[in-house]
Amino acid sequence: MSIESVSAAVAGSQNITGGRRLDGAGFMKLLTTQIKNQNPLEPLQDSQFIGQLAQLSSLEEAQGQTAALQQLASALQANAGLQGLAQASSLIGRQVSYIDPDLGTESDDTVQSVKFGNGLIQLELESGVTIPLGNVVQIRSDVAGGLSSTTAPNAEPTSSFALGTSSSV
């Protein structure tokens, strides 16, 4: 093989550094250049050629599967957000105890609306404060003259009953 043919092949090749990947067209161009400029006394073996094509095919298939999995993950994340938003909407109008994100203290307020933003379900309260759903430690609502109470796990249980009602524990 002459030096000129190698120089021409090198000059016509692309630099693949800097995060760029070799795609199918680039691979075929490289393979064609390799076949054109091969040593006639040691030609490229069929098994090598087939092996390189199989590697390219496997690579392209893996890239396609990665793209499909990324789309699926995005769809699942959006679906989970919508489901959480629908479930959290049952809190509208209910009294909640929550940990104030700024002060770190427990406060009480009524849920005005529910929104989904920045990957979190957030509650907008009557006082104008917006808190993540995860900051709620207790949910209360009026039930037949008394108060019903639901306490979040890891929170200290509290009882909330109207005067004149009894509770059996």
N, C-alpha and C. Protein backbone atom coordinates (compact mmCIF):
# COMPACT_ATOMS: atom_id res chain seq x y z
N MET A 1 0.86 -1.16 0.00
CA MET A 1 0.00 0.00 0.00
C MET A 1 0.91 1.23 0.00
N SER A 2 0.57 2.19 -0.83
CA SER A 2 1.41 3.38 -0.93
C SER A 2 1.08 4.37 0.17
N ILE A 3 2.03 5.23 0.44
CA ILE A 3 1.87 6.25 1.48
C ILE A 3 0.78 7.23 1.09
N GLU A 4 0.65 7.54 -0.21
CA GLU A 4 -0.36 8.50 -0.66
C GLU A 4 -1.77 8.01 -0.34
N SER A 5 -2.04 6.71 -0.53
CA SER A 5 -3.39 6.20 -0.28
C SER A 5 -3.74 6.26 1.20
N VAL A 6 -2.76 6.01 2.07
CA VAL A 6 -2.99 6.11 3.51
C VAL A 6 -3.23 7.56 3.89
N SER A 7 -2.44 8.47 3.32
CA SER A 7 -2.61 9.89 3.62
C SER A 7 -3.99 10.38 3.18
N ALA A 8 -4.44 9.92 2.03
CA ALA A 8 -5.77 10.32 1.54
C ALA A 8 -6.86 9.77 2.45
N ALA A 9 -6.68 8.56 2.92
CA ALA A 9 -7.68 7.96 3.81
C ALA A 9 -7.73 8.70 5.14
N VAL A 10 -6.56 9.07 5.65
CA VAL A 10 -6.51 9.81 6.92
C VAL A 10 -7.10 11.20 6.74
N ALA A 11 -6.78 11.86 5.64
CA ALA A 11 -7.31 13.21 5.39
C ALA A 11 -8.82 13.19 5.22
N GLY A 12 -9.35 12.13 4.65
CA GLY A 12 -10.80 12.03 4.42
C GLY A 12 -11.57 11.50 5.60
N SER A 13 -10.89 11.05 6.63
CA SER A 13 -11.59 10.50 7.79
C SER A 13 -12.00 11.61 8.74
N GLN A 14 -12.96 11.30 9.60
CA GLN A 14 -13.44 12.28 10.56
C GLN A 14 -12.85 11.99 11.92
N ASN A 15 -12.65 13.03 12.69
CA ASN A 15 -12.18 12.89 14.06
C ASN A 15 -13.39 12.53 14.93
N ILE A 16 -13.30 11.49 15.72
CA ILE A 16 -14.43 11.00 16.50
C ILE A 16 -14.28 11.35 17.98
N THR A 17 -13.38 12.23 18.32
CA THR A 17 -13.20 12.60 19.72
C THR A 17 -14.18 13.70 20.08
N GLY A 18 -14.20 14.06 21.35
CA GLY A 18 -15.03 15.16 21.79
C GLY A 18 -16.49 14.79 21.93
N GLY A 19 -16.81 13.54 22.23
CA GLY A 19 -18.18 13.15 22.49
C GLY A 19 -18.97 12.74 21.26
N ARG A 20 -18.41 12.84 20.06
CA ARG A 20 -19.13 12.41 18.86
C ARG A 20 -19.02 10.91 18.73
N ARG A 21 -20.07 10.29 18.21
CA ARG A 21 -20.08 8.84 18.05
C ARG A 21 -20.10 8.48 16.58
N LEU A 22 -19.59 7.32 16.30
CA LEU A 22 -19.57 6.81 14.94
C LEU A 22 -20.93 6.18 14.65
N ASP A 23 -21.66 6.74 13.67
CA ASP A 23 -22.96 6.18 13.33
C ASP A 23 -22.80 5.18 12.19
N GLY A 24 -23.92 4.65 11.70
CA GLY A 24 -23.88 3.64 10.65
C GLY A 24 -23.22 4.13 9.38
N ALA A 25 -23.53 5.36 8.96
CA ALA A 25 -22.94 5.91 7.73
C ALA A 25 -21.44 6.11 7.91
N GLY A 26 -21.04 6.61 9.06
CA GLY A 26 -19.62 6.81 9.33
C GLY A 26 -18.87 5.49 9.37
N PHE A 27 -19.51 4.48 9.97
CA PHE A 27 -18.90 3.16 10.04
C PHE A 27 -18.71 2.59 8.64
N MET A 28 -19.73 2.71 7.79
CA MET A 28 -19.64 2.17 6.43
C MET A 28 -18.56 2.92 5.64
N LYS A 29 -18.45 4.23 5.85
CA LYS A 29 -17.42 5.01 5.17
C LYS A 29 -16.03 4.54 5.61
N LEU A 30 -15.88 4.34 6.91
CA LEU A 30 -14.61 3.87 7.44
C LEU A 30 -14.28 2.47 6.92
N LEU A 31 -15.27 1.59 6.89
CA LEU A 31 -15.06 0.23 6.41
C LEU A 31 -14.71 0.23 4.92
N THR A 32 -15.40 1.06 4.14
CA THR A 32 -15.11 1.16 2.71
C THR A 32 -13.69 1.65 2.48
N THR A 33 -13.28 2.65 3.25
CA THR A 33 -11.91 3.17 3.14
C THR A 33 -10.91 2.09 3.52
N GLN A 34 -11.24 1.33 4.55
CA GLN A 34 -10.35 0.24 4.99
C GLN A 34 -10.22 -0.81 3.90
N ILE A 35 -11.33 -1.18 3.26
CA ILE A 35 -11.29 -2.20 2.21
C ILE A 35 -10.52 -1.68 0.99
N LYS A 36 -10.77 -0.41 0.63
CA LYS A 36 -10.10 0.19 -0.52
C LYS A 36 -8.59 0.24 -0.34
N ASN A 37 -8.17 0.50 0.87
CA ASN A 37 -6.74 0.71 1.13
C ASN A 37 -6.08 -0.47 1.84
N GLN A 38 -6.67 -1.64 1.76
CA GLN A 38 -6.09 -2.78 2.45
C GLN A 38 -4.88 -3.33 1.69
N ASN A 39 -4.08 -4.06 2.39
CA ASN A 39 -2.92 -4.71 1.81
C ASN A 39 -3.42 -5.88 0.97
N PRO A 40 -3.12 -5.88 -0.34
CA PRO A 40 -3.61 -6.97 -1.20
C PRO A 40 -3.08 -8.35 -0.79
N LEU A 41 -1.93 -8.37 -0.10
CA LEU A 41 -1.39 -9.66 0.33
C LEU A 41 -2.07 -10.17 1.59
N GLU A 42 -2.73 -9.28 2.33
CA GLU A 42 -3.47 -9.67 3.54
C GLU A 42 -4.84 -8.98 3.53
N PRO A 43 -5.72 -9.42 2.64
CA PRO A 43 -7.03 -8.76 2.54
C PRO A 43 -7.88 -9.01 3.80
N LEU A 44 -8.85 -8.12 3.98
CA LEU A 44 -9.78 -8.24 5.10
C LEU A 44 -10.55 -9.55 4.96
N GLN A 45 -10.59 -10.32 6.01
CA GLN A 45 -11.28 -11.60 5.99
C GLN A 45 -12.79 -11.38 6.08
N ASP A 46 -13.55 -12.27 5.45
CA ASP A 46 -15.02 -12.18 5.50
C ASP A 46 -15.52 -12.21 6.93
N SER A 47 -14.90 -13.05 7.75
CA SER A 47 -15.36 -13.17 9.14
C SER A 47 -15.15 -11.85 9.90
N GLN A 48 -14.05 -11.14 9.59
CA GLN A 48 -13.82 -9.84 10.23
C GLN A 48 -14.88 -8.84 9.78
N PHE A 49 -15.17 -8.83 8.49
CA PHE A 49 -16.16 -7.92 7.93
C PHE A 49 -17.53 -8.19 8.55
N ILE A 50 -17.92 -9.45 8.61
CA ILE A 50 -19.21 -9.82 9.19
C ILE A 50 -19.25 -9.47 10.68
N GLY A 51 -18.15 -9.70 11.37
CA GLY A 51 -18.08 -9.36 12.80
C GLY A 51 -18.25 -7.87 13.03
N GLN A 52 -17.62 -7.06 12.19
CA GLN A 52 -17.74 -5.61 12.34
C GLN A 52 -19.17 -5.14 12.04
N LEU A 53 -19.80 -5.73 11.03
CA LEU A 53 -21.19 -5.38 10.73
C LEU A 53 -22.12 -5.80 11.88
N ALA A 54 -21.85 -6.95 12.47
CA ALA A 54 -22.67 -7.41 13.60
C ALA A 54 -22.52 -6.47 14.79
N GLN A 55 -21.30 -6.00 15.03
CA GLN A 55 -21.08 -5.05 16.12
C GLN A 55 -21.84 -3.76 15.87
N LEU A 56 -21.83 -3.28 14.64
CA LEU A 56 -22.56 -2.06 14.29
C LEU A 56 -24.05 -2.27 14.51
N SER A 57 -24.55 -3.40 14.06
CA SER A 57 -25.97 -3.70 14.22
C SER A 57 -26.36 -3.75 15.69
N SER A 58 -25.54 -4.39 16.50
CA SER A 58 -25.80 -4.48 17.94
C SER A 58 -25.78 -3.10 18.59
N LEU A 59 -24.83 -2.28 18.18
CA LEU A 59 -24.72 -0.93 18.73
C LEU A 59 -25.96 -0.10 18.38
N GLU A 60 -26.38 -0.15 17.12
CA GLU A 60 -27.56 0.61 16.71
C GLU A 60 -28.81 0.12 17.43
N GLU A 61 -28.93 -1.18 17.63
CA GLU A 61 -30.08 -1.74 18.35
C GLU A 61 -30.07 -1.28 19.81
N ALA A 62 -28.92 -1.29 20.43
CA ALA A 62 -28.81 -0.84 21.83
C ALA A 62 -29.16 0.64 21.95
N GLN A 63 -28.73 1.44 20.99
CA GLN A 63 -29.07 2.87 21.01
C GLN A 63 -30.58 3.07 20.85
N GLY A 64 -31.20 2.28 19.99
CA GLY A 64 -32.66 2.36 19.82
C GLY A 64 -33.40 1.96 21.08
N GLN A 65 -32.92 0.92 21.76
CA GLN A 65 -33.55 0.49 23.00
C GLN A 65 -33.38 1.54 24.10
N THR A 66 -32.23 2.18 24.14
CA THR A 66 -31.99 3.23 25.12
C THR A 66 -32.97 4.38 24.91
N ALA A 67 -33.15 4.79 23.67
CA ALA A 67 -34.09 5.88 23.37
C ALA A 67 -35.52 5.49 23.76
N ALA A 68 -35.90 4.24 23.46
CA ALA A 68 -37.25 3.78 23.81
C ALA A 68 -37.44 3.74 25.32
N LEU A 69 -36.43 3.29 26.05
CA LEU A 69 -36.52 3.26 27.52
C LEU A 69 -36.60 4.66 28.11
N GLN A 70 -35.89 5.60 27.53
CA GLN A 70 -35.96 6.99 28.01
C GLN A 70 -37.36 7.56 27.79
N GLN A 71 -37.98 7.26 26.66
CA GLN A 71 -39.34 7.72 26.40
C GLN A 71 -40.31 7.08 27.38
N LEU A 72 -40.14 5.80 27.65
CA LEU A 72 -41.00 5.10 28.59
C LEU A 72 -40.86 5.67 29.99
N ALA A 73 -39.64 5.95 30.41
CA ALA A 73 -39.40 6.52 31.74
C ALA A 73 -40.07 7.89 31.86
N SER A 74 -39.99 8.70 30.81
CA SER A 74 -40.64 10.01 30.83
C SER A 74 -42.15 9.88 30.94
N ALA A 75 -42.71 8.94 30.19
CA ALA A 75 -44.16 8.72 30.23
C ALA A 75 -44.60 8.23 31.60
N LEU A 76 -43.84 7.32 32.20
CA LEU A 76 -44.18 6.81 33.53
C LEU A 76 -44.08 7.91 34.58
N GLN A 77 -43.08 8.75 34.46
CA GLN A 77 -42.92 9.85 35.42
C GLN A 77 -44.09 10.83 35.30
N ALA A 78 -44.50 11.15 34.09
CA ALA A 78 -45.63 12.06 33.90
C ALA A 78 -46.91 11.43 34.44
N ASN A 79 -47.10 10.14 34.21
CA ASN A 79 -48.28 9.43 34.70
C ASN A 79 -48.31 9.41 36.22
N ALA A 80 -47.18 9.16 36.84
CA ALA A 80 -47.11 9.14 38.30
C ALA A 80 -47.44 10.52 38.87
N GLY A 81 -46.98 11.57 38.21
CA GLY A 81 -47.28 12.93 38.65
C GLY A 81 -48.77 13.21 38.58
N LEU A 82 -49.41 12.78 37.49
CA LEU A 82 -50.85 13.00 37.35
C LEU A 82 -51.65 12.20 38.38
N GLN A 83 -51.23 10.97 38.63
CA GLN A 83 -51.92 10.16 39.65
C GLN A 83 -51.78 10.79 41.02
N GLY A 84 -50.59 11.24 41.36
CA GLY A 84 -50.38 11.89 42.64
C GLY A 84 -51.18 13.17 42.77
N LEU A 85 -51.28 13.92 41.69
CA LEU A 85 -52.05 15.15 41.68
C LEU A 85 -53.53 14.85 41.91
N ALA A 86 -54.04 13.82 41.25
CA ALA A 86 -55.44 13.43 41.43
C ALA A 86 -55.71 13.01 42.87
N GLN A 87 -54.80 12.25 43.45
CA GLN A 87 -54.98 11.81 44.84
C GLN A 87 -54.87 12.99 45.80
N ALA A 88 -53.94 13.88 45.56
CA ALA A 88 -53.75 15.03 46.45
C ALA A 88 -54.92 16.01 46.37
N SER A 89 -55.66 15.99 45.27
CA SER A 89 -56.80 16.91 45.14
C SER A 89 -57.87 16.64 46.19
N SER A 90 -57.87 15.46 46.80
CA SER A 90 -58.83 15.16 47.87
C SER A 90 -58.53 15.97 49.13
N LEU A 91 -57.38 16.63 49.18
CA LEU A 91 -57.02 17.45 50.34
C LEU A 91 -57.59 18.86 50.26
N ILE A 92 -58.10 19.26 49.11
CA ILE A 92 -58.62 20.62 48.96
C ILE A 92 -59.76 20.84 49.95
N GLY A 93 -59.66 21.92 50.72
CA GLY A 93 -60.66 22.26 51.73
C GLY A 93 -60.42 21.60 53.07
N ARG A 94 -59.43 20.77 53.18
CA ARG A 94 -59.15 20.08 54.44
C ARG A 94 -58.06 20.81 55.22
N GLN A 95 -58.16 20.69 56.53
CA GLN A 95 -57.18 21.28 57.45
C GLN A 95 -55.98 20.33 57.53
N VAL A 96 -54.77 20.88 57.40
CA VAL A 96 -53.57 20.06 57.49
C VAL A 96 -52.59 20.68 58.49
N SER A 97 -51.84 19.82 59.12
CA SER A 97 -50.68 20.24 59.90
C SER A 97 -49.47 19.90 59.05
N TYR A 98 -48.52 20.81 59.00
CA TYR A 98 -47.36 20.62 58.14
C TYR A 98 -46.12 21.21 58.78
N ILE A 99 -44.99 20.77 58.30
CA ILE A 99 -43.71 21.34 58.71
C ILE A 99 -43.40 22.47 57.73
N ASP A 100 -43.30 23.68 58.26
CA ASP A 100 -43.01 24.85 57.42
C ASP A 100 -41.62 24.69 56.83
N PRO A 101 -41.50 24.73 55.48
CA PRO A 101 -40.19 24.51 54.85
C PRO A 101 -39.16 25.58 55.20
N ASP A 102 -39.61 26.79 55.51
CA ASP A 102 -38.67 27.87 55.82
C ASP A 102 -38.27 27.89 57.29
N LEU A 103 -39.26 27.66 58.17
CA LEU A 103 -39.01 27.78 59.61
C LEU A 103 -38.69 26.45 60.29
N GLY A 104 -39.16 25.35 59.70
CA GLY A 104 -38.94 24.04 60.31
C GLY A 104 -39.88 23.77 61.47
N THR A 105 -40.90 24.62 61.65
CA THR A 105 -41.86 24.43 62.73
C THR A 105 -43.17 23.88 62.18
N GLU A 106 -43.96 23.28 63.06
CA GLU A 106 -45.25 22.73 62.64
C GLU A 106 -46.29 23.84 62.65
N SER A 107 -47.10 23.90 61.61
CA SER A 107 -48.16 24.89 61.48
C SER A 107 -49.42 24.21 60.98
N ASP A 108 -50.56 24.90 61.11
CA ASP A 108 -51.84 24.41 60.63
C ASP A 108 -52.39 25.39 59.60
N ASP A 109 -53.06 24.86 58.57
CA ASP A 109 -53.69 25.70 57.56
C ASP A 109 -54.65 24.84 56.76
N THR A 110 -55.43 25.48 55.89
CA THR A 110 -56.39 24.77 55.04
C THR A 110 -55.86 24.77 53.61
N VAL A 111 -55.98 23.61 52.95
CA VAL A 111 -55.50 23.46 51.57
C VAL A 111 -56.47 24.18 50.64
N GLN A 112 -55.93 25.07 49.83
CA GLN A 112 -56.71 25.85 48.87
C GLN A 112 -56.69 25.20 47.49
N SER A 113 -55.50 24.73 47.06
CA SER A 113 -55.37 24.09 45.75
C SER A 113 -54.14 23.18 45.76
N VAL A 114 -54.05 22.38 44.72
CA VAL A 114 -52.95 21.42 44.57
C VAL A 114 -52.35 21.64 43.19
N LYS A 115 -51.01 21.63 43.11
CA LYS A 115 -50.35 21.77 41.82
C LYS A 115 -49.16 20.83 41.73
N PHE A 116 -48.73 20.60 40.50
CA PHE A 116 -47.57 19.74 40.25
C PHE A 116 -46.52 20.60 39.58
N GLY A 117 -45.37 20.74 40.21
CA GLY A 117 -44.29 21.54 39.63
C GLY A 117 -42.94 21.09 40.14
N ASN A 118 -41.95 21.17 39.28
CA ASN A 118 -40.58 20.76 39.61
C ASN A 118 -40.52 19.31 40.10
N GLY A 119 -41.38 18.46 39.57
CA GLY A 119 -41.39 17.05 39.94
C GLY A 119 -42.01 16.77 41.29
N LEU A 120 -42.61 17.78 41.92
CA LEU A 120 -43.22 17.61 43.25
C LEU A 120 -44.68 18.02 43.22
N ILE A 121 -45.47 17.34 44.03
CA ILE A 121 -46.85 17.77 44.26
C ILE A 121 -46.79 18.80 45.38
N GLN A 122 -47.38 19.95 45.13
CA GLN A 122 -47.33 21.04 46.10
C GLN A 122 -48.74 21.48 46.47
N LEU A 123 -48.91 21.85 47.73
CA LEU A 123 -50.19 22.32 48.24
C LEU A 123 -50.11 23.83 48.43
N GLU A 124 -51.09 24.53 47.91
CA GLU A 124 -51.20 25.97 48.15
C GLU A 124 -52.22 26.15 49.26
N LEU A 125 -51.82 26.82 50.33
CA LEU A 125 -52.64 26.96 51.52
C LEU A 125 -53.34 28.32 51.55
N GLU A 126 -54.37 28.44 52.39
CA GLU A 126 -55.13 29.69 52.48
C GLU A 126 -54.25 30.87 52.84
N SER A 127 -53.22 30.65 53.63
CA SER A 127 -52.33 31.73 54.05
C SER A 127 -51.41 32.21 52.92
N GLY A 128 -51.44 31.54 51.77
CA GLY A 128 -50.57 31.91 50.66
C GLY A 128 -49.29 31.11 50.60
N VAL A 129 -49.05 30.29 51.60
CA VAL A 129 -47.84 29.46 51.65
C VAL A 129 -48.02 28.27 50.70
N THR A 130 -46.96 27.89 50.02
CA THR A 130 -46.95 26.69 49.18
C THR A 130 -45.97 25.71 49.80
N ILE A 131 -46.44 24.48 50.04
CA ILE A 131 -45.58 23.47 50.67
C ILE A 131 -45.58 22.20 49.84
N PRO A 132 -44.50 21.42 49.91
CA PRO A 132 -44.49 20.10 49.27
C PRO A 132 -45.43 19.17 50.03
N LEU A 133 -46.09 18.27 49.32
CA LEU A 133 -47.00 17.31 49.94
C LEU A 133 -46.29 16.52 51.03
N GLY A 134 -45.03 16.24 50.86
CA GLY A 134 -44.26 15.47 51.84
C GLY A 134 -44.11 16.15 53.19
N ASN A 135 -44.40 17.44 53.28
CA ASN A 135 -44.29 18.16 54.55
C ASN A 135 -45.53 18.03 55.41
N VAL A 136 -46.61 17.45 54.87
CA VAL A 136 -47.84 17.28 55.64
C VAL A 136 -47.64 16.17 56.66
N VAL A 137 -47.98 16.45 57.93
CA VAL A 137 -47.85 15.45 58.98
C VAL A 137 -49.20 15.00 59.51
N GLN A 138 -50.27 15.78 59.24
CA GLN A 138 -51.60 15.40 59.71
C GLN A 138 -52.65 16.04 58.82
N ILE A 139 -53.74 15.30 58.58
CA ILE A 139 -54.86 15.78 57.78
C ILE A 139 -56.11 15.67 58.64
N ARG A 140 -56.91 16.76 58.70
CA ARG A 140 -58.13 16.75 59.49
C ARG A 140 -59.31 17.22 58.65
N SER A 141 -60.50 16.71 58.98
CA SER A 141 -61.72 17.21 58.36
C SER A 141 -62.87 17.00 59.33
N ASP A 142 -63.93 17.80 59.21
CA ASP A 142 -65.11 17.65 60.05
C ASP A 142 -65.85 16.38 59.67
N VAL A 143 -66.21 15.56 60.67
CA VAL A 143 -67.01 14.37 60.44
C VAL A 143 -68.06 14.31 61.54
N ALA A 144 -69.32 14.56 61.23
CA ALA A 144 -70.46 14.46 62.15
C ALA A 144 -70.20 15.15 63.48
N GLY A 145 -69.80 16.40 63.44
CA GLY A 145 -69.64 17.17 64.66
C GLY A 145 -68.30 17.00 65.34
N GLY A 146 -67.56 15.98 65.02
CA GLY A 146 -66.24 15.78 65.61
C GLY A 146 -65.20 16.01 64.55
N LEU A 147 -63.98 15.76 64.88
CA LEU A 147 -62.92 15.88 63.90
C LEU A 147 -62.30 14.52 63.67
N SER A 148 -62.09 14.20 62.43
CA SER A 148 -61.40 12.96 62.09
C SER A 148 -59.94 13.33 61.85
N SER A 149 -59.05 12.46 62.25
CA SER A 149 -57.64 12.79 62.15
C SER A 149 -56.87 11.64 61.51
N THR A 150 -55.98 12.00 60.61
CA THR A 150 -55.06 11.04 60.01
C THR A 150 -53.66 11.57 60.21
N THR A 151 -52.81 10.78 60.81
CA THR A 151 -51.45 11.21 61.09
C THR A 151 -50.49 10.51 60.15
N ALA A 152 -49.56 11.27 59.62
CA ALA A 152 -48.56 10.70 58.72
C ALA A 152 -47.63 9.80 59.51
N PRO A 153 -47.07 8.76 58.86
CA PRO A 153 -46.09 7.93 59.54
C PRO A 153 -44.90 8.79 59.95
N ASN A 154 -44.23 8.40 61.01
CA ASN A 154 -43.07 9.10 61.55
C ASN A 154 -43.44 10.40 62.26
N ALA A 155 -44.73 10.75 62.30
CA ALA A 155 -45.14 11.94 63.04
C ALA A 155 -45.74 11.48 64.35
N GLU A 156 -45.66 12.33 65.36
CA GLU A 156 -46.24 11.97 66.64
C GLU A 156 -47.76 12.03 66.51
N PRO A 157 -48.47 10.97 66.96
CA PRO A 157 -49.92 10.99 66.83
C PRO A 157 -50.52 12.04 67.75
N THR A 158 -51.51 12.75 67.23
CA THR A 158 -52.24 13.72 68.03
C THR A 158 -53.71 13.43 67.89
N SER A 159 -54.47 13.74 68.91
CA SER A 159 -55.91 13.55 68.86
C SER A 159 -56.56 14.89 68.64
N SER A 160 -57.55 14.93 67.78
CA SER A 160 -58.29 16.16 67.53
C SER A 160 -59.77 15.83 67.60
N PHE A 161 -60.39 16.11 68.72
CA PHE A 161 -61.80 15.84 68.89
C PHE A 161 -62.50 17.10 69.37
N ALA A 162 -63.73 17.29 68.91
CA ALA A 162 -64.52 18.42 69.39
C ALA A 162 -65.01 18.11 70.79
N LEU A 163 -65.27 19.13 71.58
CA LEU A 163 -65.78 18.94 72.93
C LEU A 163 -67.11 18.21 72.88
N GLY A 164 -67.34 17.36 73.85
CA GLY A 164 -68.60 16.65 73.93
C GLY A 164 -68.62 15.34 73.17
N THR A 165 -67.54 14.95 72.55
CA THR A 165 -67.50 13.66 71.87
C THR A 165 -66.58 12.76 72.66
N SER A 166 -66.78 11.50 72.50
CA SER A 166 -65.93 10.55 73.21
C SER A 166 -65.24 9.66 72.21
N SER A 167 -64.19 9.09 72.69
CA SER A 167 -63.40 8.23 71.82
C SER A 167 -63.01 7.00 72.60
N SER A 168 -63.12 5.86 71.96
CA SER A 168 -62.63 4.64 72.60
C SER A 168 -61.37 4.22 71.88
N VAL A 169 -60.35 3.96 72.65
CA VAL A 169 -59.07 3.61 72.06
C VAL A 169 -58.82 2.15 72.21
